[in-house]
Amino acid sequence: MATMTVRGIDTEVAKLLKDQANSEGISVNALLLKMVKESLGVEKKRRTKIYHDLDHLAGTWSEKDLKEFQKNVEDLEKVDKELWK
């Protein structure tokens, strides 16, 4: 396996690469290898994009929040049988 060095990566691109690698839980090297393989068609791109923009909300509801939500959507659970005749 060959070893290569990439020179001339500006600060902004380096930060974006580090952030992307960190968000995917992989090293910058692994991220760059994946990007190169995908761009050359050696490895297929993942079709489904994974978003993490709402992760900070996961598990943050209190019992009070849950009850309030359930109360607010209660009417959505009702089916008007006349509409389905």
PDB file of N, CA and C in Angstrom:
ATOM      1  N   MET A   1       0.844  -1.170   0.000  1.00  0.00           N
ATOM      2  CA  MET A   1       0.000   0.000   0.000  1.00  0.00           C
ATOM      3  C   MET A   1       0.894   1.241   0.000  1.00  0.00           C
ATOM      4  N   ALA A   2       0.571   2.201  -0.842  1.00  0.00           N
ATOM      5  CA  ALA A   2       1.388   3.409  -0.972  1.00  0.00           C
ATOM      6  C   ALA A   2       1.073   4.418   0.125  1.00  0.00           C
ATOM      7  N   THR A   3       2.081   5.204   0.448  1.00  0.00           N
ATOM      8  CA  THR A   3       1.910   6.309   1.382  1.00  0.00           C
ATOM      9  C   THR A   3       2.084   7.597   0.601  1.00  0.00           C
ATOM     10  N   MET A   4       1.146   8.526   0.767  1.00  0.00           N
ATOM     11  CA  MET A   4       1.201   9.801   0.052  1.00  0.00           C
ATOM     12  C   MET A   4       1.054  10.944   1.036  1.00  0.00           C
ATOM     13  N   THR A   5       1.596  12.084   0.659  1.00  0.00           N
ATOM     14  CA  THR A   5       1.479  13.295   1.463  1.00  0.00           C
ATOM     15  C   THR A   5       0.755  14.341   0.637  1.00  0.00           C
ATOM     16  N   VAL A   6      -0.188  15.013   1.247  1.00  0.00           N
ATOM     17  CA  VAL A   6      -0.909  16.092   0.573  1.00  0.00           C
ATOM     18  C   VAL A   6      -0.443  17.399   1.201  1.00  0.00           C
ATOM     19  N   ARG A   7       0.063  18.308   0.369  1.00  0.00           N
ATOM     20  CA  ARG A   7       0.533  19.600   0.865  1.00  0.00           C
ATOM     21  C   ARG A   7      -0.399  20.697   0.384  1.00  0.00           C
ATOM     22  N   GLY A   8      -0.365  21.822   1.075  1.00  0.00           N
ATOM     23  CA  GLY A   8      -1.109  22.998   0.637  1.00  0.00           C
ATOM     24  C   GLY A   8      -2.554  23.032   1.095  1.00  0.00           C
ATOM     25  N   ILE A   9      -2.893  22.280   2.123  1.00  0.00           N
ATOM     26  CA  ILE A   9      -4.263  22.309   2.649  1.00  0.00           C
ATOM     27  C   ILE A   9      -4.383  23.535   3.545  1.00  0.00           C
ATOM     28  N   ASP A  10      -5.272  24.445   3.169  1.00  0.00           N
ATOM     29  CA  ASP A  10      -5.408  25.666   3.967  1.00  0.00           C
ATOM     30  C   ASP A  10      -6.126  25.386   5.286  1.00  0.00           C
ATOM     31  N   THR A  11      -6.048  26.347   6.178  1.00  0.00           N
ATOM     32  CA  THR A  11      -6.568  26.196   7.535  1.00  0.00           C
ATOM     33  C   THR A  11      -8.057  25.890   7.555  1.00  0.00           C
ATOM     34  N   GLU A  12      -8.824  26.566   6.707  1.00  0.00           N
ATOM     35  CA  GLU A  12     -10.282  26.358   6.687  1.00  0.00           C
ATOM     36  C   GLU A  12     -10.629  24.933   6.273  1.00  0.00           C
ATOM     37  N   VAL A  13      -9.982  24.451   5.214  1.00  0.00           N
ATOM     38  CA  VAL A  13     -10.241  23.088   4.736  1.00  0.00           C
ATOM     39  C   VAL A  13      -9.796  22.070   5.784  1.00  0.00           C
ATOM     40  N   ALA A  14      -8.659  22.308   6.419  1.00  0.00           N
ATOM     41  CA  ALA A  14      -8.177  21.393   7.460  1.00  0.00           C
ATOM     42  C   ALA A  14      -9.177  21.301   8.601  1.00  0.00           C
ATOM     43  N   LYS A  15      -9.727  22.441   9.007  1.00  0.00           N
ATOM     44  CA  LYS A  15     -10.717  22.445  10.090  1.00  0.00           C
ATOM     45  C   LYS A  15     -11.976  21.697   9.673  1.00  0.00           C
ATOM     46  N   LEU A  16     -12.437  21.934   8.440  1.00  0.00           N
ATOM     47  CA  LEU A  16     -13.635  21.239   7.953  1.00  0.00           C
ATOM     48  C   LEU A  16     -13.411  19.730   7.898  1.00  0.00           C
ATOM     49  N   LEU A  17     -12.228  19.313   7.462  1.00  0.00           N
ATOM     50  CA  LEU A  17     -11.910  17.882   7.421  1.00  0.00           C
ATOM     51  C   LEU A  17     -11.902  17.281   8.826  1.00  0.00           C
ATOM     52  N   LYS A  18     -11.285  17.987   9.765  1.00  0.00           N
ATOM     53  CA  LYS A  18     -11.244  17.491  11.148  1.00  0.00           C
ATOM     54  C   LYS A  18     -12.645  17.410  11.745  1.00  0.00           C
ATOM     55  N   ASP A  19     -13.456  18.437  11.490  1.00  0.00           N
ATOM     56  CA  ASP A  19     -14.830  18.440  12.007  1.00  0.00           C
ATOM     57  C   ASP A  19     -15.640  17.289  11.418  1.00  0.00           C
ATOM     58  N   GLN A  20     -15.508  17.086  10.107  1.00  0.00           N
ATOM     59  CA  GLN A  20     -16.240  16.009   9.430  1.00  0.00           C
ATOM     60  C   GLN A  20     -15.805  14.649   9.970  1.00  0.00           C
ATOM     61  N   ALA A  21     -14.502  14.460  10.093  1.00  0.00           N
ATOM     62  CA  ALA A  21     -13.981  13.188  10.610  1.00  0.00           C
ATOM     63  C   ALA A  21     -14.474  12.955  12.032  1.00  0.00           C
ATOM     64  N   ASN A  22     -14.447  13.996  12.829  1.00  0.00           N
ATOM     65  CA  ASN A  22     -14.911  13.891  14.211  1.00  0.00           C
ATOM     66  C   ASN A  22     -16.391  13.528  14.262  1.00  0.00           C
ATOM     67  N   SER A  23     -17.204  14.155  13.415  1.00  0.00           N
ATOM     68  CA  SER A  23     -18.643  13.874  13.424  1.00  0.00           C
ATOM     69  C   SER A  23     -18.948  12.456  12.954  1.00  0.00           C
ATOM     70  N   GLU A  24     -18.078  11.897  12.104  1.00  0.00           N
ATOM     71  CA  GLU A  24     -18.266  10.518  11.638  1.00  0.00           C
ATOM     72  C   GLU A  24     -17.574   9.509  12.551  1.00  0.00           C
ATOM     73  N   GLY A  25     -16.799  10.012  13.505  1.00  0.00           N
ATOM     74  CA  GLY A  25     -16.111   9.118  14.430  1.00  0.00           C
ATOM     75  C   GLY A  25     -14.956   8.361  13.798  1.00  0.00           C
ATOM     76  N   ILE A  26     -14.310   8.986  12.803  1.00  0.00           N
ATOM     77  CA  ILE A  26     -13.175   8.350  12.133  1.00  0.00           C
ATOM     78  C   ILE A  26     -12.006   9.330  12.095  1.00  0.00           C
ATOM     79  N   SER A  27     -10.846   8.831  11.720  1.00  0.00           N
ATOM     80  CA  SER A  27      -9.670   9.700  11.616  1.00  0.00           C
ATOM     81  C   SER A  27      -9.754  10.526  10.334  1.00  0.00           C
ATOM     82  N   VAL A  28      -8.968  11.601  10.290  1.00  0.00           N
ATOM     83  CA  VAL A  28      -8.910  12.426   9.078  1.00  0.00           C
ATOM     84  C   VAL A  28      -8.378  11.579   7.922  1.00  0.00           C
ATOM     85  N   ASN A  29      -7.415  10.722   8.193  1.00  0.00           N
ATOM     86  CA  ASN A  29      -6.870   9.851   7.158  1.00  0.00           C
ATOM     87  C   ASN A  29      -7.960   8.946   6.578  1.00  0.00           C
ATOM     88  N   ALA A  30      -8.751   8.326   7.450  1.00  0.00           N
ATOM     89  CA  ALA A  30      -9.835   7.447   6.988  1.00  0.00           C
ATOM     90  C   ALA A  30     -10.866   8.236   6.185  1.00  0.00           C
ATOM     91  N   LEU A  31     -11.158   9.459   6.617  1.00  0.00           N
ATOM     92  CA  LEU A  31     -12.103  10.307   5.891  1.00  0.00           C
ATOM     93  C   LEU A  31     -11.577  10.626   4.496  1.00  0.00           C
ATOM     94  N   LEU A  32     -10.303  11.018   4.403  1.00  0.00           N
ATOM     95  CA  LEU A  32      -9.716  11.343   3.102  1.00  0.00           C
ATOM     96  C   LEU A  32      -9.689  10.126   2.181  1.00  0.00           C
ATOM     97  N   LEU A  33      -9.352   8.958   2.723  1.00  0.00           N
ATOM     98  CA  LEU A  33      -9.366   7.738   1.906  1.00  0.00           C
ATOM     99  C   LEU A  33     -10.767   7.460   1.372  1.00  0.00           C
ATOM    100  N   LYS A  34     -11.762   7.619   2.232  1.00  0.00           N
ATOM    101  CA  LYS A  34     -13.151   7.400   1.820  1.00  0.00           C
ATOM    102  C   LYS A  34     -13.542   8.387   0.724  1.00  0.00           C
ATOM    103  N   MET A  35     -13.183   9.661   0.904  1.00  0.00           N
ATOM    104  CA  MET A  35     -13.529  10.691  -0.080  1.00  0.00           C
ATOM    105  C   MET A  35     -12.859  10.432  -1.429  1.00  0.00           C
ATOM    106  N   VAL A  36     -11.598  10.042  -1.402  1.00  0.00           N
ATOM    107  CA  VAL A  36     -10.875   9.762  -2.643  1.00  0.00           C
ATOM    108  C   VAL A  36     -11.500   8.566  -3.356  1.00  0.00           C
ATOM    109  N   LYS A  37     -11.778   7.496  -2.613  1.00  0.00           N
ATOM    110  CA  LYS A  37     -12.379   6.303  -3.220  1.00  0.00           C
ATOM    111  C   LYS A  37     -13.750   6.609  -3.817  1.00  0.00           C
ATOM    112  N   GLU A  38     -14.556   7.394  -3.096  1.00  0.00           N
ATOM    113  CA  GLU A  38     -15.886   7.748  -3.600  1.00  0.00           C
ATOM    114  C   GLU A  38     -15.781   8.604  -4.855  1.00  0.00           C
ATOM    115  N   SER A  39     -14.874   9.575  -4.859  1.00  0.00           N
ATOM    116  CA  SER A  39     -14.763  10.472  -6.010  1.00  0.00           C
ATOM    117  C   SER A  39     -14.208   9.762  -7.238  1.00  0.00           C
ATOM    118  N   LEU A  40     -13.416   8.721  -7.033  1.00  0.00           N
ATOM    119  CA  LEU A  40     -12.875   7.951  -8.150  1.00  0.00           C
ATOM    120  C   LEU A  40     -13.786   6.806  -8.569  1.00  0.00           C
ATOM    121  N   GLY A  41     -14.858   6.600  -7.847  1.00  0.00           N
ATOM    122  CA  GLY A  41     -15.797   5.539  -8.183  1.00  0.00           C
ATOM    123  C   GLY A  41     -15.372   4.169  -7.694  1.00  0.00           C
ATOM    124  N   VAL A  42     -14.341   4.110  -6.873  1.00  0.00           N
ATOM    125  CA  VAL A  42     -13.868   2.835  -6.331  1.00  0.00           C
ATOM    126  C   VAL A  42     -14.824   2.341  -5.257  1.00  0.00           C
ATOM    127  N   GLU A  43     -15.385   3.257  -4.531  1.00  0.00           N
ATOM    128  CA  GLU A  43     -16.325   2.935  -3.460  1.00  0.00           C
ATOM    129  C   GLU A  43     -17.574   3.776  -3.672  1.00  0.00           C
ATOM    130  N   LYS A  44     -18.732   3.144  -3.556  1.00  0.00           N
ATOM    131  CA  LYS A  44     -19.979   3.874  -3.762  1.00  0.00           C
ATOM    132  C   LYS A  44     -20.277   4.776  -2.578  1.00  0.00           C
ATOM    133  N   LYS A  45     -20.838   5.938  -2.901  1.00  0.00           N
ATOM    134  CA  LYS A  45     -21.265   6.860  -1.851  1.00  0.00           C
ATOM    135  C   LYS A  45     -22.471   6.287  -1.146  1.00  0.00           C
ATOM    136  N   ARG A  46     -22.552   6.573   0.134  1.00  0.00           N
ATOM    137  CA  ARG A  46     -23.721   6.170   0.902  1.00  0.00           C
ATOM    138  C   ARG A  46     -24.897   7.016   0.423  1.00  0.00           C
ATOM    139  N   ARG A  47     -26.001   6.383   0.078  1.00  0.00           N
ATOM    140  CA  ARG A  47     -27.157   7.109  -0.449  1.00  0.00           C
ATOM    141  C   ARG A  47     -27.874   7.927   0.605  1.00  0.00           C
ATOM    142  N   THR A  48     -27.948   7.399   1.801  1.00  0.00           N
ATOM    143  CA  THR A  48     -28.686   8.070   2.858  1.00  0.00           C
ATOM    144  C   THR A  48     -27.740   8.947   3.654  1.00  0.00           C
ATOM    145  N   LYS A  49     -28.058  10.209   3.713  1.00  0.00           N
ATOM    146  CA  LYS A  49     -27.250  11.133   4.506  1.00  0.00           C
ATOM    147  C   LYS A  49     -27.724  11.068   5.953  1.00  0.00           C
ATOM    148  N   ILE A  50     -26.797  10.995   6.851  1.00  0.00           N
ATOM    149  CA  ILE A  50     -27.123  10.944   8.269  1.00  0.00           C
ATOM    150  C   ILE A  50     -26.996  12.350   8.838  1.00  0.00           C
ATOM    151  N   TYR A  51     -28.059  12.794   9.463  1.00  0.00           N
ATOM    152  CA  TYR A  51     -28.074  14.123  10.055  1.00  0.00           C
ATOM    153  C   TYR A  51     -27.926  14.015  11.569  1.00  0.00           C
ATOM    154  N   HIS A  52     -27.270  14.995  12.143  1.00  0.00           N
ATOM    155  CA  HIS A  52     -27.077  15.027  13.593  1.00  0.00           C
ATOM    156  C   HIS A  52     -27.527  16.353  14.190  1.00  0.00           C
ATOM    157  N   ASP A  53     -28.257  17.145  13.412  1.00  0.00           N
ATOM    158  CA  ASP A  53     -28.627  18.484  13.870  1.00  0.00           C
ATOM    159  C   ASP A  53     -29.647  18.484  15.005  1.00  0.00           C
ATOM    160  N   LEU A  54     -30.334  17.379  15.229  1.00  0.00           N
ATOM    161  CA  LEU A  54     -31.318  17.317  16.315  1.00  0.00           C
ATOM    162  C   LEU A  54     -30.874  16.399  17.459  1.00  0.00           C
ATOM    163  N   ASP A  55     -29.649  15.902  17.384  1.00  0.00           N
ATOM    164  CA  ASP A  55     -29.152  14.974  18.406  1.00  0.00           C
ATOM    165  C   ASP A  55     -29.219  15.551  19.813  1.00  0.00           C
ATOM    166  N   HIS A  56     -28.982  16.851  19.930  1.00  0.00           N
ATOM    167  CA  HIS A  56     -28.966  17.469  21.260  1.00  0.00           C
ATOM    168  C   HIS A  56     -30.338  17.441  21.929  1.00  0.00           C
ATOM    169  N   LEU A  57     -31.386  17.164  21.149  1.00  0.00           N
ATOM    170  CA  LEU A  57     -32.735  17.115  21.711  1.00  0.00           C
ATOM    171  C   LEU A  57     -33.124  15.722  22.200  1.00  0.00           C
ATOM    172  N   ALA A  58     -32.388  14.719  21.777  1.00  0.00           N
ATOM    173  CA  ALA A  58     -32.731  13.341  22.130  1.00  0.00           C
ATOM    174  C   ALA A  58     -32.662  13.126  23.633  1.00  0.00           C
ATOM    175  N   GLY A  59     -33.733  12.590  24.177  1.00  0.00           N
ATOM    176  CA  GLY A  59     -33.775  12.260  25.592  1.00  0.00           C
ATOM    177  C   GLY A  59     -33.951  13.442  26.519  1.00  0.00           C
ATOM    178  N   THR A  60     -34.416  14.561  25.999  1.00  0.00           N
ATOM    179  CA  THR A  60     -34.514  15.763  26.839  1.00  0.00           C
ATOM    180  C   THR A  60     -35.922  16.045  27.344  1.00  0.00           C
ATOM    181  N   TRP A  61     -36.914  15.256  26.921  1.00  0.00           N
ATOM    182  CA  TRP A  61     -38.285  15.506  27.365  1.00  0.00           C
ATOM    183  C   TRP A  61     -38.481  15.059  28.808  1.00  0.00           C
ATOM    184  N   SER A  62     -39.182  15.870  29.548  1.00  0.00           N
ATOM    185  CA  SER A  62     -39.571  15.485  30.905  1.00  0.00           C
ATOM    186  C   SER A  62     -40.939  14.809  30.819  1.00  0.00           C
ATOM    187  N   GLU A  63     -41.402  14.248  31.928  1.00  0.00           N
ATOM    188  CA  GLU A  63     -42.746  13.651  31.967  1.00  0.00           C
ATOM    189  C   GLU A  63     -43.789  14.710  31.628  1.00  0.00           C
ATOM    190  N   LYS A  64     -43.580  15.915  32.127  1.00  0.00           N
ATOM    191  CA  LYS A  64     -44.506  17.017  31.861  1.00  0.00           C
ATOM    192  C   LYS A  64     -44.562  17.317  30.357  1.00  0.00           C
ATOM    193  N   ASP A  65     -43.391  17.360  29.695  1.00  0.00           N
ATOM    194  CA  ASP A  65     -43.337  17.601  28.253  1.00  0.00           C
ATOM    195  C   ASP A  65     -44.083  16.505  27.494  1.00  0.00           C
ATOM    196  N   LEU A  66     -43.877  15.259  27.901  1.00  0.00           N
ATOM    197  CA  LEU A  66     -44.530  14.129  27.249  1.00  0.00           C
ATOM    198  C   LEU A  66     -46.044  14.228  27.369  1.00  0.00           C
ATOM    199  N   LYS A  67     -46.528  14.493  28.560  1.00  0.00           N
ATOM    200  CA  LYS A  67     -47.978  14.594  28.775  1.00  0.00           C
ATOM    201  C   LYS A  67     -48.568  15.753  27.973  1.00  0.00           C
ATOM    202  N   GLU A  68     -47.858  16.870  27.925  1.00  0.00           N
ATOM    203  CA  GLU A  68     -48.324  18.026  27.160  1.00  0.00           C
ATOM    204  C   GLU A  68     -48.388  17.693  25.669  1.00  0.00           C
ATOM    205  N   PHE A  69     -47.373  16.998  25.168  1.00  0.00           N
ATOM    206  CA  PHE A  69     -47.354  16.598  23.766  1.00  0.00           C
ATOM    207  C   PHE A  69     -48.506  15.644  23.460  1.00  0.00           C
ATOM    208  N   GLN A  70     -48.681  14.642  24.311  1.00  0.00           N
ATOM    209  CA  GLN A  70     -49.756  13.672  24.101  1.00  0.00           C
ATOM    210  C   GLN A  70     -51.118  14.351  24.111  1.00  0.00           C
ATOM    211  N   LYS A  71     -51.294  15.320  24.986  1.00  0.00           N
ATOM    212  CA  LYS A  71     -52.552  16.061  25.050  1.00  0.00           C
ATOM    213  C   LYS A  71     -52.775  16.842  23.753  1.00  0.00           C
ATOM    214  N   ASN A  72     -51.709  17.453  23.237  1.00  0.00           N
ATOM    215  CA  ASN A  72     -51.825  18.273  22.031  1.00  0.00           C
ATOM    216  C   ASN A  72     -52.073  17.455  20.761  1.00  0.00           C
ATOM    217  N   VAL A  73     -51.657  16.203  20.734  1.00  0.00           N
ATOM    218  CA  VAL A  73     -51.868  15.379  19.542  1.00  0.00           C
ATOM    219  C   VAL A  73     -53.028  14.401  19.709  1.00  0.00           C
ATOM    220  N   GLU A  74     -53.692  14.473  20.827  1.00  0.00           N
ATOM    221  CA  GLU A  74     -54.806  13.566  21.112  1.00  0.00           C
ATOM    222  C   GLU A  74     -55.849  13.583  19.993  1.00  0.00           C
ATOM    223  N   ASP A  75     -56.208  14.764  19.512  1.00  0.00           N
ATOM    224  CA  ASP A  75     -57.214  14.877  18.454  1.00  0.00           C
ATOM    225  C   ASP A  75     -56.756  14.231  17.149  1.00  0.00           C
ATOM    226  N   LEU A  76     -55.466  14.137  16.935  1.00  0.00           N
ATOM    227  CA  LEU A  76     -54.945  13.527  15.713  1.00  0.00           C
ATOM    228  C   LEU A  76     -55.139  12.012  15.707  1.00  0.00           C
ATOM    229  N   GLU A  77     -55.375  11.437  16.865  1.00  0.00           N
ATOM    230  CA  GLU A  77     -55.581   9.997  16.988  1.00  0.00           C
ATOM    231  C   GLU A  77     -57.011   9.586  16.627  1.00  0.00           C
ATOM    232  N   LYS A  78     -57.915  10.542  16.599  1.00  0.00           N
ATOM    233  CA  LYS A  78     -59.324  10.239  16.345  1.00  0.00           C
ATOM    234  C   LYS A  78     -59.571  10.095  14.848  1.00  0.00           C
ATOM    235  N   VAL A  79     -60.380   9.100  14.507  1.00  0.00           N
ATOM    236  CA  VAL A  79     -60.730   8.852  13.113  1.00  0.00           C
ATOM    237  C   VAL A  79     -62.200   9.181  12.918  1.00  0.00           C
ATOM    238  N   ASP A  80     -62.475  10.019  11.938  1.00  0.00           N
ATOM    239  CA  ASP A  80     -63.858  10.355  11.598  1.00  0.00           C
ATOM    240  C   ASP A  80     -64.358   9.285  10.631  1.00  0.00           C
ATOM    241  N   LYS A  81     -65.151   8.356  11.140  1.00  0.00           N
ATOM    242  CA  LYS A  81     -65.608   7.221  10.336  1.00  0.00           C
ATOM    243  C   LYS A  81     -66.444   7.665   9.144  1.00  0.00           C
ATOM    244  N   GLU A  82     -67.083   8.815   9.236  1.00  0.00           N
ATOM    245  CA  GLU A  82     -67.897   9.334   8.128  1.00  0.00           C
ATOM    246  C   GLU A  82     -67.032   9.652   6.906  1.00  0.00           C
ATOM    247  N   LEU A  83     -65.803  10.049   7.147  1.00  0.00           N
ATOM    248  CA  LEU A  83     -64.899  10.374   6.038  1.00  0.00           C
ATOM    249  C   LEU A  83     -64.463   9.129   5.267  1.00  0.00           C
ATOM    250  N   TRP A  84     -64.577   7.961   5.878  1.00  0.00           N
ATOM    251  CA  TRP A  84     -64.082   6.735   5.273  1.00  0.00           C
ATOM    252  C   TRP A  84     -65.191   5.852   4.713  1.00  0.00           C
ATOM    253  N   LYS A  85     -66.368   6.411   4.538  1.00  0.00           N
ATOM    254  CA  LYS A  85     -67.471   5.619   3.969  1.00  0.00           C
ATOM    255  C   LYS A  85     -67.479   5.709   2.471  1.00  0.00           C
TER     256      LYS A  85
END
